[in-house]
C-alpha atoms as a PDB file:
ATOM      1  CA  MET A   1       2.838  38.662 -28.299  1.00  0.00           C
ATOM      2  CA  ALA A   2      -0.058  37.400 -26.343  1.00  0.00           C
ATOM      3  CA  SER A   3       0.876  33.764 -27.563  1.00  0.00           C
ATOM      4  CA  MET A   4       4.458  34.364 -26.199  1.00  0.00           C
ATOM      5  CA  LYS A   5       2.961  35.739 -22.693  1.00  0.00           C
ATOM      6  CA  SER A   6       0.586  32.612 -22.456  1.00  0.00           C
ATOM      7  CA  ILE A   7       3.642  30.132 -23.234  1.00  0.00           C
ATOM      8  CA  LYS A   8       5.743  31.920 -20.838  1.00  0.00           C
ATOM      9  CA  LEU A   9       3.467  31.776 -18.219  1.00  0.00           C
ATOM     10  CA  ARG A  10       2.458  28.309 -18.706  1.00  0.00           C
ATOM     11  CA  ILE A  11       6.450  27.436 -18.377  1.00  0.00           C
ATOM     12  CA  LYS A  12       6.256  28.976 -14.991  1.00  0.00           C
ATOM     13  CA  SER A  13       3.672  27.144 -13.799  1.00  0.00           C
ATOM     14  CA  VAL A  14       5.103  23.718 -15.055  1.00  0.00           C
ATOM     15  CA  GLN A  15       8.289  24.836 -13.128  1.00  0.00           C
ATOM     16  CA  SER A  16       6.424  25.363  -9.946  1.00  0.00           C
ATOM     17  CA  THR A  17       4.777  21.902 -10.224  1.00  0.00           C
ATOM     18  CA  MET A  18       8.056  20.134 -11.084  1.00  0.00           C
ATOM     19  CA  GLN A  19       9.564  21.769  -7.846  1.00  0.00           C
ATOM     20  CA  ILE A  20       6.839  20.248  -5.807  1.00  0.00           C
ATOM     21  CA  THR A  21       7.141  16.759  -7.622  1.00  0.00           C
ATOM     22  CA  ARG A  22      10.819  16.848  -7.036  1.00  0.00           C
ATOM     23  CA  ALA A  23      10.392  17.758  -3.462  1.00  0.00           C
ATOM     24  CA  MET A  24       7.610  14.890  -2.790  1.00  0.00           C
ATOM     25  CA  LYS A  25      10.185  12.471  -4.591  1.00  0.00           C
ATOM     26  CA  LEU A  26      12.750  13.269  -2.010  1.00  0.00           C
ATOM     27  CA  VAL A  27      10.296  13.020   0.774  1.00  0.00           C
ATOM     28  CA  ALA A  28       9.285   9.559  -0.553  1.00  0.00           C
ATOM     29  CA  SER A  29      12.978   8.337  -0.812  1.00  0.00           C
ATOM     30  CA  SER A  30      13.702   9.286   2.732  1.00  0.00           C
ATOM     31  CA  ARG A  31      10.519   7.780   4.158  1.00  0.00           C
ATOM     32  CA  LEU A  32      10.958   4.529   2.169  1.00  0.00           C
ATOM     33  CA  ARG A  33      14.465   3.942   3.282  1.00  0.00           C
ATOM     34  CA  ARG A  34      13.071   3.716   7.097  1.00  0.00           C
ATOM     35  CA  ALA A  35      10.033   1.835   5.800  1.00  0.00           C
ATOM     36  CA  GLN A  36      12.224  -0.782   4.232  1.00  0.00           C
ATOM     37  CA  GLN A  37      14.255  -1.068   7.415  1.00  0.00           C
ATOM     38  CA  ARG A  38      11.081  -1.634   9.312  1.00  0.00           C
ATOM     39  CA  VAL A  39      10.189  -4.387   6.882  1.00  0.00           C
ATOM     40  CA  GLU A  40      13.574  -6.490   7.350  1.00  0.00           C
ATOM     41  CA  GLU A  41      13.404  -6.065  10.837  1.00  0.00           C
ATOM     42  CA  SER A  42       9.827  -7.234  11.214  1.00  0.00           C
ATOM     43  CA  ARG A  43       9.965 -10.449   9.354  1.00  0.00           C
ATOM     44  CA  PRO A  44      12.018 -12.721  11.776  1.00  0.00           C
ATOM     45  CA  TYR A  45       9.340 -12.209  14.709  1.00  0.00           C
ATOM     46  CA  HIS A  46       6.359 -13.709  12.967  1.00  0.00           C
ATOM     47  CA  GLU A  47       8.438 -16.270  11.429  1.00  0.00           C
ATOM     48  CA  VAL A  48       9.492 -17.703  14.604  1.00  0.00           C
ATOM     49  CA  LEU A  49       6.343 -17.537  16.005  1.00  0.00           C
ATOM     50  CA  ALA A  50       5.015 -19.415  13.047  1.00  0.00           C
ATOM     51  CA  ALA A  51       7.806 -22.035  13.340  1.00  0.00           C
ATOM     52  CA  THR A  52       6.671 -22.446  16.888  1.00  0.00           C
ATOM     53  CA  LEU A  53       2.851 -22.927  16.035  1.00  0.00           C
ATOM     54  CA  ASN A  54       3.839 -25.632  13.474  1.00  0.00           C
ATOM     55  CA  ASP A  55       5.756 -27.504  15.941  1.00  0.00           C
ATOM     56  CA  ILE A  56       3.008 -27.326  18.525  1.00  0.00           C
ATOM     57  CA  ALA A  57       0.521 -28.355  16.044  1.00  0.00           C
ATOM     58  CA  ASN A  58       2.621 -31.387  14.305  1.00  0.00           C
ATOM     59  CA  SER A  59       4.167 -32.579  17.403  1.00  0.00           C
ATOM     60  CA  ASN A  60       0.952 -33.572  19.320  1.00  0.00           C
ATOM     61  CA  LEU A  61      -1.302 -36.322  18.295  1.00  0.00           C
ATOM     62  CA  GLU A  62      -4.118 -35.502  20.447  1.00  0.00           C
ATOM     63  CA  PHE A  63      -4.350 -31.671  19.652  1.00  0.00           C
ATOM     64  CA  ASP A  64      -7.461 -29.426  19.195  1.00  0.00           C
ATOM     65  CA  SER A  65      -7.858 -25.790  18.986  1.00  0.00           C
ATOM     66  CA  VAL A  66     -10.754 -23.467  18.098  1.00  0.00           C
ATOM     67  CA  TYR A  67      -8.286 -21.983  15.552  1.00  0.00           C
ATOM     68  CA  LEU A  68      -7.385 -24.933  13.737  1.00  0.00           C
ATOM     69  CA  LYS A  69     -10.906 -26.035  12.953  1.00  0.00           C
ATOM     70  CA  LYS A  70     -11.963 -25.701   9.360  1.00  0.00           C
ATOM     71  CA  ARG A  71     -15.709 -24.795   8.686  1.00  0.00           C
ATOM     72  CA  ASP A  72     -17.964 -23.828   6.111  1.00  0.00           C
ATOM     73  CA  ILE A  73     -17.111 -20.318   5.137  1.00  0.00           C
ATOM     74  CA  LYS A  74     -20.522 -18.367   5.364  1.00  0.00           C
ATOM     75  CA  LYS A  75     -18.483 -15.040   6.214  1.00  0.00           C
ATOM     76  CA  THR A  76     -15.175 -13.784   5.843  1.00  0.00           C
ATOM     77  CA  LEU A  77     -13.323 -10.975   7.382  1.00  0.00           C
ATOM     78  CA  TYR A  78     -10.871  -9.288   5.486  1.00  0.00           C
ATOM     79  CA  ILE A  79      -8.370  -7.031   7.092  1.00  0.00           C
ATOM     80  CA  VAL A  80      -7.382  -4.422   4.124  1.00  0.00           C
ATOM     81  CA  PHE A  81      -4.473  -1.973   4.323  1.00  0.00           C
ATOM     82  CA  ALA A  82      -4.352   0.940   1.896  1.00  0.00           C
ATOM     83  CA  GLY A  83      -2.844   4.355   1.613  1.00  0.00           C
ATOM     84  CA  ASP A  84      -3.303   7.467   3.732  1.00  0.00           C
ATOM     85  CA  ARG A  85      -2.948   9.973   0.659  1.00  0.00           C
ATOM     86  CA  GLY A  86      -3.151   9.656  -3.075  1.00  0.00           C
ATOM     87  CA  LEU A  87      -0.268  10.548  -5.681  1.00  0.00           C
ATOM     88  CA  ALA A  88       1.103   7.137  -5.425  1.00  0.00           C
ATOM     89  CA  GLY A  89       0.278   5.967  -8.880  1.00  0.00           C
ATOM     90  CA  GLY A  90      -1.932   2.519  -8.873  1.00  0.00           C
ATOM     91  CA  TYR A  91      -1.053   1.705  -5.325  1.00  0.00           C
ATOM     92  CA  ASN A  92      -4.617   2.336  -4.173  1.00  0.00           C
ATOM     93  CA  SER A  93      -6.585   1.097  -7.181  1.00  0.00           C
ATOM     94  CA  ASN A  94      -4.597  -2.230  -7.349  1.00  0.00           C
ATOM     95  CA  MET A  95      -5.164  -3.131  -3.976  1.00  0.00           C
ATOM     96  CA  PHE A  96      -8.984  -2.244  -4.222  1.00  0.00           C
ATOM     97  CA  ARG A  97      -9.322  -4.027  -7.749  1.00  0.00           C
ATOM     98  CA  MET A  98      -7.544  -7.149  -6.086  1.00  0.00           C
ATOM     99  CA  ILE A  99     -10.285  -7.117  -3.083  1.00  0.00           C
ATOM    100  CA  GLU A 100     -13.244  -6.569  -5.574  1.00  0.00           C
ATOM    101  CA  ALA A 101     -11.978  -9.857  -7.200  1.00  0.00           C
ATOM    102  CA  GLU A 102     -11.180 -11.664  -4.020  1.00  0.00           C
ATOM    103  CA  THR A 103     -14.611 -10.942  -2.100  1.00  0.00           C
ATOM    104  CA  LYS A 104     -16.756 -11.470  -5.505  1.00  0.00           C
ATOM    105  CA  GLY A 105     -19.703 -13.287  -4.622  1.00  0.00           C
ATOM    106  CA  LYS A 106     -18.968 -13.578  -0.842  1.00  0.00           C
ATOM    107  CA  GLU A 107     -20.716 -12.507   2.411  1.00  0.00           C
ATOM    108  CA  CYS A 108     -17.685 -10.270   4.080  1.00  0.00           C
ATOM    109  CA  ALA A 109     -17.096  -7.671   6.319  1.00  0.00           C
ATOM    110  CA  PHE A 110     -13.937  -5.497   6.526  1.00  0.00           C
ATOM    111  CA  LEU A 111     -11.691  -3.865   8.823  1.00  0.00           C
ATOM    112  CA  PRO A 112     -10.074  -1.125   6.893  1.00  0.00           C
ATOM    113  CA  VAL A 113      -6.851   0.374   8.015  1.00  0.00           C
ATOM    114  CA  GLY A 114      -5.736   3.656   6.047  1.00  0.00           C
ATOM    115  CA  LYS A 115      -7.724   6.671   5.163  1.00  0.00           C
ATOM    116  CA  LYS A 116      -8.332   5.484   1.737  1.00  0.00           C
ATOM    117  CA  ALA A 117      -9.655   2.203   2.731  1.00  0.00           C
ATOM    118  CA  MET A 118     -11.938   3.567   5.034  1.00  0.00           C
ATOM    119  CA  GLU A 119     -13.411   6.030   2.385  1.00  0.00           C
ATOM    120  CA  TYR A 120     -13.562   3.289  -0.157  1.00  0.00           C
ATOM    121  CA  PHE A 121     -15.878   0.747   1.865  1.00  0.00           C
ATOM    122  CA  ARG A 122     -18.069   3.495   3.552  1.00  0.00           C
ATOM    123  CA  LYS A 123     -18.734   4.854  -0.007  1.00  0.00           C
ATOM    124  CA  ARG A 124     -19.959   1.241  -0.942  1.00  0.00           C
ATOM    125  CA  ASN A 125     -21.784   0.677   2.207  1.00  0.00           C
ATOM    126  CA  ARG A 126     -19.725  -2.352   3.085  1.00  0.00           C
ATOM    127  CA  GLU A 127     -19.741  -3.664   6.710  1.00  0.00           C
ATOM    128  CA  ILE A 128     -17.043  -2.173   8.802  1.00  0.00           C
ATOM    129  CA  ILE A 129     -16.274  -3.935  12.171  1.00  0.00           C
ATOM    130  CA  SER A 130     -13.890  -1.101  13.391  1.00  0.00           C
ATOM    131  CA  ASP A 131     -13.004   2.194  12.384  1.00  0.00           C
ATOM    132  CA  ALA A 132     -10.591   2.708  14.950  1.00  0.00           C
ATOM    133  CA  PHE A 133      -7.522   2.551  12.446  1.00  0.00           C
ATOM    134  CA  PRO A 134      -8.207   5.421   9.952  1.00  0.00           C
ATOM    135  CA  LEU A 135      -4.250   6.228   9.499  1.00  0.00           C
ATOM    136  CA  VAL A 136      -1.680   3.763   8.697  1.00  0.00           C
ATOM    137  CA  GLY A 137       0.991   6.251   9.572  1.00  0.00           C
ATOM    138  CA  GLU A 138      -0.327   6.019  13.069  1.00  0.00           C
ATOM    139  CA  ILE A 139      -0.474   2.504  13.713  1.00  0.00           C
ATOM    140  CA  SER A 140       1.466   1.228  16.532  1.00  0.00           C
ATOM    141  CA  VAL A 141       2.600  -2.318  17.636  1.00  0.00           C
ATOM    142  CA  SER A 142      -0.206  -1.969  20.441  1.00  0.00           C
ATOM    143  CA  ASP A 143      -2.887  -1.362  17.391  1.00  0.00           C
ATOM    144  CA  CYS A 144      -1.832  -4.355  15.829  1.00  0.00           C
ATOM    145  CA  PHE A 145      -2.355  -6.328  19.123  1.00  0.00           C
ATOM    146  CA  GLU A 146      -5.878  -4.717  19.453  1.00  0.00           C
ATOM    147  CA  MET A 147      -6.438  -5.713  15.740  1.00  0.00           C
ATOM    148  CA  ALA A 148      -5.497  -9.325  16.504  1.00  0.00           C
ATOM    149  CA  ARG A 149      -7.639  -9.446  19.519  1.00  0.00           C
ATOM    150  CA  ILE A 150     -10.750  -8.615  17.577  1.00  0.00           C
ATOM    151  CA  VAL A 151     -10.268 -10.947  14.738  1.00  0.00           C
ATOM    152  CA  CYS A 152      -9.201 -13.855  16.983  1.00  0.00           C
ATOM    153  CA  LYS A 153     -12.481 -13.045  19.448  1.00  0.00           C
ATOM    154  CA  GLY A 154     -14.668 -12.780  16.117  1.00  0.00           C
ATOM    155  CA  PHE A 155     -13.318 -16.296  14.719  1.00  0.00           C
ATOM    156  CA  ALA A 156     -13.598 -18.055  18.030  1.00  0.00           C
ATOM    157  CA  ASP A 157     -16.943 -16.982  18.817  1.00  0.00           C
ATOM    158  CA  GLY A 158     -17.931 -17.958  15.005  1.00  0.00           C
ATOM    159  CA  ASP A 159     -18.757 -14.533  13.548  1.00  0.00           C
ATOM    160  CA  PHE A 160     -16.299 -15.071  10.913  1.00  0.00           C
ATOM    161  CA  ASP A 161     -15.507 -18.511   9.409  1.00  0.00           C
ATOM    162  CA  GLU A 162     -12.066 -17.387   7.677  1.00  0.00           C
ATOM    163  CA  ILE A 163      -9.817 -14.195   8.730  1.00  0.00           C
ATOM    164  CA  CYS A 164      -7.758 -12.979   5.928  1.00  0.00           C
ATOM    165  CA  VAL A 165      -5.291  -9.967   5.564  1.00  0.00           C
ATOM    166  CA  ALA A 166      -4.925  -7.984   2.363  1.00  0.00           C
ATOM    167  CA  GLY A 167      -1.697  -5.736   1.862  1.00  0.00           C
ATOM    168  CA  THR A 168       0.738  -4.535  -0.706  1.00  0.00           C
ATOM    169  CA  TYR A 169       4.123  -6.513  -0.135  1.00  0.00           C
ATOM    170  CA  PHE A 170       7.187  -4.739  -1.398  1.00  0.00           C
ATOM    171  CA  LYS A 171       9.466  -6.594  -3.947  1.00  0.00           C
ATOM    172  CA  SER A 172      11.346  -3.524  -5.339  1.00  0.00           C
ATOM    173  CA  ILE A 173      10.974   0.164  -6.055  1.00  0.00           C
ATOM    174  CA  LEU A 174       9.531  -0.816  -9.341  1.00  0.00           C
ATOM    175  CA  SER A 175       7.122  -3.873  -8.132  1.00  0.00           C
ATOM    176  CA  GLN A 176       4.511  -3.647  -5.469  1.00  0.00           C
ATOM    177  CA  VAL A 177       2.253  -6.623  -5.366  1.00  0.00           C
ATOM    178  CA  PRO A 178      -1.226  -6.753  -3.482  1.00  0.00           C
ATOM    179  CA  GLN A 179      -1.831 -10.022  -1.998  1.00  0.00           C
ATOM    180  CA  CYS A 180      -4.340 -11.628   0.195  1.00  0.00           C
ATOM    181  CA  THR A 181      -3.335 -14.084   3.142  1.00  0.00           C
ATOM    182  CA  ARG A 182      -5.662 -16.138   5.024  1.00  0.00           C
ATOM    183  CA  LEU A 183      -4.711 -16.088   8.896  1.00  0.00           C
ATOM    184  CA  LEU A 184      -7.262 -18.173  10.300  1.00  0.00           C
ATOM    185  CA  PRO A 185      -8.094 -20.866  10.624  1.00  0.00           C
ATOM    186  CA  PHE A 186      -4.496 -21.926  11.126  1.00  0.00           C
ATOM    187  CA  THR A 187      -3.113 -24.161   8.483  1.00  0.00           C
ATOM    188  CA  PRO A 188       0.107 -26.063   9.881  1.00  0.00           C
ATOM    189  CA  GLY A 189       3.072 -26.416   7.449  1.00  0.00           C
ATOM    190  CA  GLU A 190       4.372 -30.037   6.891  1.00  0.00           C
ATOM    191  CA  VAL A 191       7.206 -31.307   8.490  1.00  0.00           C
ATOM    192  CA  GLU A 192       9.837 -33.263   6.922  1.00  0.00           C
ATOM    193  CA  GLY A 193      11.131 -36.324   8.722  1.00  0.00           C
ATOM    194  CA  GLY A 194       9.714 -37.807  11.898  1.00  0.00           C
ATOM    195  CA  ARG A 195       7.277 -36.286  14.226  1.00  0.00           C
ATOM    196  CA  GLU A 196       8.888 -35.098  17.540  1.00  0.00           C
ATOM    197  CA  VAL A 197       6.561 -35.546  20.676  1.00  0.00           C
ATOM    198  CA  ILE A 198       7.063 -32.458  22.889  1.00  0.00           C
ATOM    199  CA  THR A 199       5.244 -31.861  26.086  1.00  0.00           C
ATOM    200  CA  TYR A 200       4.002 -28.233  26.951  1.00  0.00           C
ATOM    201  CA  GLU A 201       2.956 -26.637  29.961  1.00  0.00           C
ATOM    202  CA  PRO A 202       0.320 -25.864  30.972  1.00  0.00           C
ATOM    203  CA  GLY A 203      -0.702 -28.053  27.798  1.00  0.00           C
ATOM    204  CA  SER A 204      -0.442 -27.904  24.076  1.00  0.00           C
ATOM    205  CA  GLU A 205      -3.756 -26.419  23.445  1.00  0.00           C
ATOM    206  CA  GLU A 206      -3.340 -23.702  26.125  1.00  0.00           C
ATOM    207  CA  THR A 207       0.019 -22.821  24.887  1.00  0.00           C
ATOM    208  CA  PHE A 208      -1.192 -22.649  21.147  1.00  0.00           C
ATOM    209  CA  ASN A 209      -4.148 -20.499  21.871  1.00  0.00           C
ATOM    210  CA  ALA A 210      -1.946 -18.248  23.745  1.00  0.00           C
ATOM    211  CA  ILE A 211       0.634 -17.981  21.100  1.00  0.00           C
ATOM    212  CA  ILE A 212      -2.187 -17.430  18.099  1.00  0.00           C
ATOM    213  CA  PRO A 213      -2.775 -13.692  18.996  1.00  0.00           C
ATOM    214  CA  GLU A 214       0.752 -13.094  18.985  1.00  0.00           C
ATOM    215  CA  TYR A 215       1.225 -14.575  15.628  1.00  0.00           C
ATOM    216  CA  ILE A 216      -1.754 -12.533  14.209  1.00  0.00           C
ATOM    217  CA  ALA A 217      -0.300  -9.375  15.617  1.00  0.00           C
ATOM    218  CA  GLY A 218       2.896  -9.996  14.124  1.00  0.00           C
ATOM    219  CA  ILE A 219       1.909 -10.827  10.707  1.00  0.00           C
ATOM    220  CA  ILE A 220      -0.471  -7.725  10.960  1.00  0.00           C
ATOM    221  CA  PHE A 221       2.211  -5.612  11.826  1.00  0.00           C
ATOM    222  CA  SER A 222       4.365  -7.163   9.221  1.00  0.00           C
ATOM    223  CA  THR A 223       1.864  -6.458   6.455  1.00  0.00           C
ATOM    224  CA  MET A 224       1.675  -2.893   7.803  1.00  0.00           C
ATOM    225  CA  CYS A 225       5.321  -2.257   7.284  1.00  0.00           C
ATOM    226  CA  GLU A 226       5.177  -3.969   3.787  1.00  0.00           C
ATOM    227  CA  SER A 227       2.365  -1.721   2.825  1.00  0.00           C
ATOM    228  CA  ALA A 228       3.963   1.491   4.201  1.00  0.00           C
ATOM    229  CA  ALA A 229       7.240   0.678   2.016  1.00  0.00           C
ATOM    230  CA  SER A 230       4.974  -0.028  -0.910  1.00  0.00           C
ATOM    231  CA  GLU A 231       3.046   2.951  -0.741  1.00  0.00           C
ATOM    232  CA  GLN A 232       6.231   4.993  -0.608  1.00  0.00           C
ATOM    233  CA  GLY A 233       7.843   3.162  -3.260  1.00  0.00           C
ATOM    234  CA  ALA A 234       4.992   3.742  -5.261  1.00  0.00           C
ATOM    235  CA  ARG A 235       4.655   7.339  -4.503  1.00  0.00           C
ATOM    236  CA  ARG A 236       8.438   7.900  -5.247  1.00  0.00           C
ATOM    237  CA  MET A 237       7.991   6.452  -8.803  1.00  0.00           C
ATOM    238  CA  ALA A 238       4.994   8.287  -9.550  1.00  0.00           C
ATOM    239  CA  MET A 239       6.762  11.864  -8.532  1.00  0.00           C
ATOM    240  CA  GLU A 240       9.734  10.868 -10.435  1.00  0.00           C
ATOM    241  CA  ASN A 241       7.730   9.933 -13.524  1.00  0.00           C
ATOM    242  CA  ALA A 242       5.806  13.260 -12.829  1.00  0.00           C
ATOM    243  CA  THR A 243       9.118  15.274 -12.528  1.00  0.00           C
ATOM    244  CA  ASN A 244      10.299  13.753 -15.694  1.00  0.00           C
ATOM    245  CA  ASN A 245       7.226  14.509 -17.797  1.00  0.00           C
ATOM    246  CA  ALA A 246       7.331  18.028 -16.487  1.00  0.00           C
ATOM    247  CA  SER A 247      10.853  18.520 -17.699  1.00  0.00           C
ATOM    248  CA  ASP A 248       9.656  17.325 -21.123  1.00  0.00           C
ATOM    249  CA  MET A 249       6.949  19.511 -21.087  1.00  0.00           C
ATOM    250  CA  ILE A 250       9.143  22.410 -20.189  1.00  0.00           C
ATOM    251  CA  ASP A 251      11.515  21.736 -22.910  1.00  0.00           C
ATOM    252  CA  SER A 252       8.627  21.410 -25.369  1.00  0.00           C
ATOM    253  CA  LEU A 253       7.059  24.847 -24.288  1.00  0.00           C
ATOM    254  CA  SER A 254      10.599  26.241 -24.377  1.00  0.00           C
ATOM    255  CA  LEU A 255      10.985  25.216 -28.131  1.00  0.00           C
ATOM    256  CA  TYR A 256       7.410  26.780 -28.933  1.00  0.00           C
ATOM    257  CA  TYR A 257       8.423  30.090 -26.978  1.00  0.00           C
ATOM    258  CA  ASN A 258      11.647  30.398 -29.096  1.00  0.00           C
ATOM    259  CA  ARG A 259       9.656  29.589 -32.312  1.00  0.00           C
ATOM    260  CA  ALA A 260       7.278  32.097 -31.513  1.00  0.00           C
ATOM    261  CA  ARG A 261      10.009  34.892 -30.384  1.00  0.00           C
ATOM    262  CA  GLN A 262      11.862  34.041 -33.396  1.00  0.00           C
ATOM    263  CA  ALA A 263       8.635  34.582 -35.518  1.00  0.00           C
ATOM    264  CA  ALA A 264       7.753  37.834 -33.995  1.00  0.00           C
ATOM    265  CA  ILE A 265      11.300  39.155 -34.270  1.00  0.00           C
ATOM    266  CA  THR A 266      11.227  38.197 -38.133  1.00  0.00           C
ATOM    267  CA  GLN A 267       8.129  39.800 -38.579  1.00  0.00           C
ATOM    268  CA  GLU A 268       9.373  43.107 -36.984  1.00  0.00           C
ATOM    269  CA  ILE A 269      12.340  43.105 -39.071  1.00  0.00           C
ATOM    270  CA  THR A 270      10.116  42.556 -42.417  1.00  0.00           C
ATOM    271  CA  GLU A 271       8.043  45.425 -41.336  1.00  0.00           C
ATOM    272  CA  ILE A 272      11.160  47.666 -40.696  1.00  0.00           C
ATOM    273  CA  VAL A 273      12.637  46.671 -43.998  1.00  0.00           C
ATOM    274  CA  GLY A 274       9.426  47.173 -46.000  1.00  0.00           C
ATOM    275  CA  GLY A 275       8.918  50.653 -44.080  1.00  0.00           C
ATOM    276  CA  ALA A 276      12.436  51.721 -45.228  1.00  0.00           C
ATOM    277  CA  ALA A 277      11.781  50.512 -48.722  1.00  0.00           C
ATOM    278  CA  GLY A 278       8.649  52.315 -49.086  1.00  0.00           C
ATOM    279  CA  GLY A 279      10.361  55.503 -47.592  1.00  0.00           C
ATOM    280  CA  GLU A 280      12.998  55.374 -50.201  1.00  0.00           C
ATOM    281  CA  GLU A 281      10.307  55.310 -52.969  1.00  0.00           C
END
């Protein structure tokens, strides 16, 4: 009887856990739809800015900008997006594993975005240039422009020789890939065909330098949207797997419970029959 009672309590505990994981799965699914919409809406903005920067850089023969100059990389700044919470499968661990491989043997500083990123770099005593963005869920467009201003100033002043952004890019609910992209120095794409000469006012360099922070802010915002969608996708899959595992565990425990109950009933019947036979003798 004690065994049956413990199994029954275990079944009730797993059922309660399954209700929580099922609810978290539904919440993640709802948030994932909104996050996917933000990803699709954010992509055209930085794509147009990137095309404009390429046109400026490739259409002027005598063109120079501090954001184009490549120098010996002594120190790199990484903008790292991670989650605000756990229970998202390997979302956060995959990001940090990629960062450790990317920064191995380098002198680096970090601008963490998200609670998990902030905790990770603080525990390891890594250089953090700003702790003003602790929650991804509270990041606004103005915050992205503030981050762009910080990194552009650091690059222009020579504090950093390279600026990179690391985030998890959403491919599907089943696939979220951590990637690291270099933002500065800006590398123009190759232009097919002849080079068209375009005149900009007040000047090519001034126009280019004015657009770069806008471009960086667009990339940061897009990476934030991709990372948010990836986190919700990973959490949805983790909660779905947890719900399925809980269901399988309940089925297994129910089988054990029924076997124990059947054994107890059989034992009682045997004792009753045995007692009746003894009384007849």
